[in-house]
């Protein structure tokens, strides 16, 4: 018996919801976490290969995120370059905490140091910086989704995080994730 083949359009439409699900899962553990990688598996495929999961998964959800082992320490691009996924994985998602600056602050920075660690230090020290958690998710067909949770400012009376969804938030990261799938 062959595995059920998910509809590519259904997976593409489900990708933003899967990215939000990954962000909510990681958010439950709070801030100050290391980057985390998730396989995105078609739920029908997962249930066909592991029917014992039927009580734990929503069969109506086209994609199921599956947390992976911790990424190796060091630069993220080097870690991603060594990853290959089996054909049963429809896509992947990466969660990482980042520092975001408003465009006006970026313009005032001038040229950042070439060394990535030094550049991160400069940005992290800027008074207008905001911490964020970025989820970048991509499918084998190249469809991508990004979700960014901006951490509330310490002086914010409401204490509300801001959420931004836009597939163009991290185009380079989406391309790097797509390369792991091919």
Protein backbone atom coordinates (compact mmCIF):
# COMPACT_ATOMS: atom_id res chain seq x y z
CA UNK A 1 0.00 0.00 0.00
CA UNK A 2 1.40 3.40 -0.94
CA UNK A 3 1.49 6.40 1.37
CA UNK A 4 -1.16 9.07 0.79
CA UNK A 5 0.28 11.95 -1.19
CA UNK A 6 -0.61 15.37 0.21
CA UNK A 7 -1.89 18.04 -2.13
CA UNK A 8 0.92 20.58 -2.73
CA UNK A 9 -1.58 23.46 -2.72
CA UNK A 10 -2.95 22.35 0.66
CA UNK A 11 0.56 22.23 2.10
CA UNK A 12 1.35 25.69 0.70
CA UNK A 13 -1.81 27.15 2.23
CA UNK A 14 -1.03 25.45 5.56
CA UNK A 15 2.55 26.75 5.79
CA UNK A 16 1.80 30.08 7.56
CA UNK A 17 -0.27 28.25 10.18
CA UNK A 18 2.57 25.75 10.69
CA UNK A 19 5.03 28.64 11.17
CA UNK A 20 2.69 30.16 13.79
CA UNK A 21 2.37 26.78 15.49
CA UNK A 22 6.16 26.46 15.69
CA UNK A 23 6.44 29.97 17.15
CA UNK A 24 3.76 29.25 19.77
CA UNK A 25 5.48 25.99 20.73
CA UNK A 26 8.84 27.71 21.19
CA UNK A 27 7.26 30.72 22.93
CA UNK A 28 5.88 28.41 25.63
CA UNK A 29 9.48 27.96 26.85
CA UNK A 30 10.11 31.74 27.01
CA UNK A 31 12.91 33.86 25.64
CA UNK A 32 16.68 33.41 25.45
CA UNK A 33 16.71 30.13 23.56
CA UNK A 34 19.12 28.71 21.03
CA UNK A 35 18.04 28.36 17.37
CA UNK A 36 15.78 25.36 16.82
CA UNK A 37 15.03 23.38 13.69
CA UNK A 38 11.77 21.61 12.81
CA UNK A 39 10.91 19.18 10.05
CA UNK A 40 7.54 19.90 8.47
CA UNK A 41 5.90 16.62 7.57
CA UNK A 42 2.61 16.11 5.79
CA UNK A 43 0.30 14.87 8.54
CA UNK A 44 -1.17 12.18 6.26
CA UNK A 45 2.34 10.86 5.56
CA UNK A 46 3.24 10.91 9.23
CA UNK A 47 0.07 9.05 10.23
CA UNK A 48 0.58 6.48 7.48
CA UNK A 49 4.08 5.68 8.73
CA UNK A 50 3.28 6.01 12.46
CA UNK A 51 -0.42 5.22 13.04
CA UNK A 52 0.16 5.17 16.81
CA UNK A 53 0.29 8.98 16.64
CA UNK A 54 -3.37 9.23 15.59
CA UNK A 55 -4.50 10.17 19.11
CA UNK A 56 -1.90 12.95 19.30
CA UNK A 57 -2.24 14.61 15.88
CA UNK A 58 -5.03 16.48 14.16
CA UNK A 59 -5.54 14.59 10.91
CA UNK A 60 -7.24 17.70 9.45
CA UNK A 61 -4.03 19.73 9.78
CA UNK A 62 -2.02 19.31 6.55
CA UNK A 63 1.43 19.90 8.13
CA UNK A 64 2.88 18.68 11.41
CA UNK A 65 6.06 20.31 12.80
CA UNK A 66 8.52 17.81 14.29
CA UNK A 67 11.24 19.23 16.57
CA UNK A 68 14.76 18.13 15.69
CA UNK A 69 17.87 17.64 17.78
CA UNK A 70 19.76 20.76 18.81
CA UNK A 71 21.77 22.45 16.09
CA UNK A 72 25.54 22.36 16.45
CA UNK A 73 27.10 25.41 18.08
CA UNK A 74 28.78 27.91 15.84
CA UNK A 75 27.59 29.90 12.86
CA UNK A 76 24.08 29.06 11.69
CA UNK A 77 24.97 29.08 7.99
CA UNK A 78 27.58 26.37 8.56
CA UNK A 79 25.08 24.24 10.49
CA UNK A 80 22.44 24.59 7.76
CA UNK A 81 24.95 23.73 5.04
CA UNK A 82 25.37 20.27 6.57
CA UNK A 83 21.66 19.40 6.74
CA UNK A 84 19.83 17.16 4.30
CA UNK A 85 16.24 15.99 4.69
CA UNK A 86 14.70 12.70 3.56
CA UNK A 87 12.01 12.82 0.87
CA UNK A 88 9.31 12.25 3.50
CA UNK A 89 9.94 15.77 4.85
CA UNK A 90 7.79 18.31 3.00
CA UNK A 91 9.60 21.33 4.42
CA UNK A 92 11.43 22.75 7.41
CA UNK A 93 11.29 25.66 9.81
CA UNK A 94 14.00 27.43 11.77
CA UNK A 95 13.37 29.50 14.88
CA UNK A 96 15.99 31.95 16.05
CA UNK A 97 16.09 34.98 18.27
CA UNK A 98 17.26 38.13 16.55
CA UNK A 99 17.74 41.82 17.21
CA UNK A 100 15.72 44.20 15.05
CA UNK A 101 16.29 47.89 14.45
CA UNK A 102 13.83 50.37 12.95
CA UNK A 103 14.85 51.60 9.47
CA UNK A 104 15.79 55.03 10.84
CA UNK A 105 18.23 53.45 13.30
CA UNK A 106 19.72 51.23 10.58
CA UNK A 107 20.39 54.29 8.42
CA UNK A 108 22.24 55.97 11.28
CA UNK A 109 24.53 53.01 11.92
CA UNK A 110 26.64 53.43 8.83
CA UNK A 111 28.67 50.46 7.68
CA UNK A 112 28.72 47.55 10.11
CA UNK A 113 31.90 45.58 10.83
CA UNK A 114 32.56 42.72 8.41
CA UNK A 115 32.90 40.23 11.28
CA UNK A 116 29.38 38.89 12.04
CA UNK A 117 30.02 38.69 15.79
CA UNK A 118 31.18 42.32 15.91
CA UNK A 119 28.23 43.46 13.78
CA UNK A 120 25.81 41.68 16.13
CA UNK A 121 27.46 43.45 19.08
CA UNK A 122 26.98 46.86 17.47
CA UNK A 123 23.31 46.19 16.71
CA UNK A 124 22.66 44.64 20.15
CA UNK A 125 24.03 47.78 21.81
CA UNK A 126 21.77 50.18 19.93
CA UNK A 127 19.21 51.96 22.15
CA UNK A 128 16.37 51.44 19.62
CA UNK A 129 16.90 47.70 19.27
CA UNK A 130 14.10 45.21 19.79
CA UNK A 131 14.50 41.56 20.48
CA UNK A 132 12.53 39.21 18.33
CA UNK A 133 11.89 35.56 17.62
CA UNK A 134 11.85 34.75 13.92
CA UNK A 135 10.36 31.62 12.41
CA UNK A 136 11.28 31.03 8.78
CA UNK A 137 9.56 28.07 7.13
CA UNK A 138 9.81 26.73 3.60
CA UNK A 139 8.43 23.84 1.56
CA UNK A 140 10.23 21.85 -1.13
CA UNK A 141 8.23 23.74 -3.79
CA UNK A 142 9.83 27.02 -2.65
CA UNK A 143 6.81 28.48 -0.85
CA UNK A 144 7.96 30.30 2.28
CA UNK A 145 6.43 31.87 5.37
CA UNK A 146 7.89 33.99 8.15
CA UNK A 147 6.55 34.94 11.55
CA UNK A 148 8.27 37.45 13.81
CA UNK A 149 7.38 38.02 17.45
CA UNK A 150 8.83 41.31 18.68
CA UNK A 151 9.38 41.25 22.42
CA UNK A 152 7.53 43.92 24.36
CA UNK A 153 9.66 46.78 25.65
CA UNK A 154 10.44 46.58 29.35
CA UNK A 155 8.81 50.00 29.83
CA UNK A 156 5.64 48.99 27.94
CA UNK A 157 2.72 49.15 30.38
CA UNK A 158 0.70 46.72 28.26
CA UNK A 159 3.54 44.20 28.04
CA UNK A 160 2.27 43.05 24.64
CA UNK A 161 4.55 41.43 22.09
CA UNK A 162 4.00 42.48 18.49
CA UNK A 163 3.50 39.84 15.79
CA UNK A 164 4.45 40.33 12.15
CA UNK A 165 3.79 37.82 9.37
CA UNK A 166 5.37 38.33 5.99
CA UNK A 167 7.13 35.81 3.76
CA UNK A 168 9.65 38.51 2.80
CA UNK A 169 11.01 39.04 6.34
CA UNK A 170 13.97 36.69 5.82
CA UNK A 171 14.49 35.87 2.11
CA UNK A 172 18.13 34.79 2.57
CA UNK A 173 17.21 32.45 5.41
CA UNK A 174 14.36 30.97 3.37
CA UNK A 175 16.80 30.29 0.50
CA UNK A 176 19.25 28.64 2.91
CA UNK A 177 16.49 26.45 4.34
CA UNK A 178 15.29 25.53 0.85
CA UNK A 179 18.82 24.40 -0.02
CA UNK A 180 18.61 21.84 2.81
CA UNK A 181 15.60 20.25 1.08
CA UNK A 182 17.28 19.70 -2.31
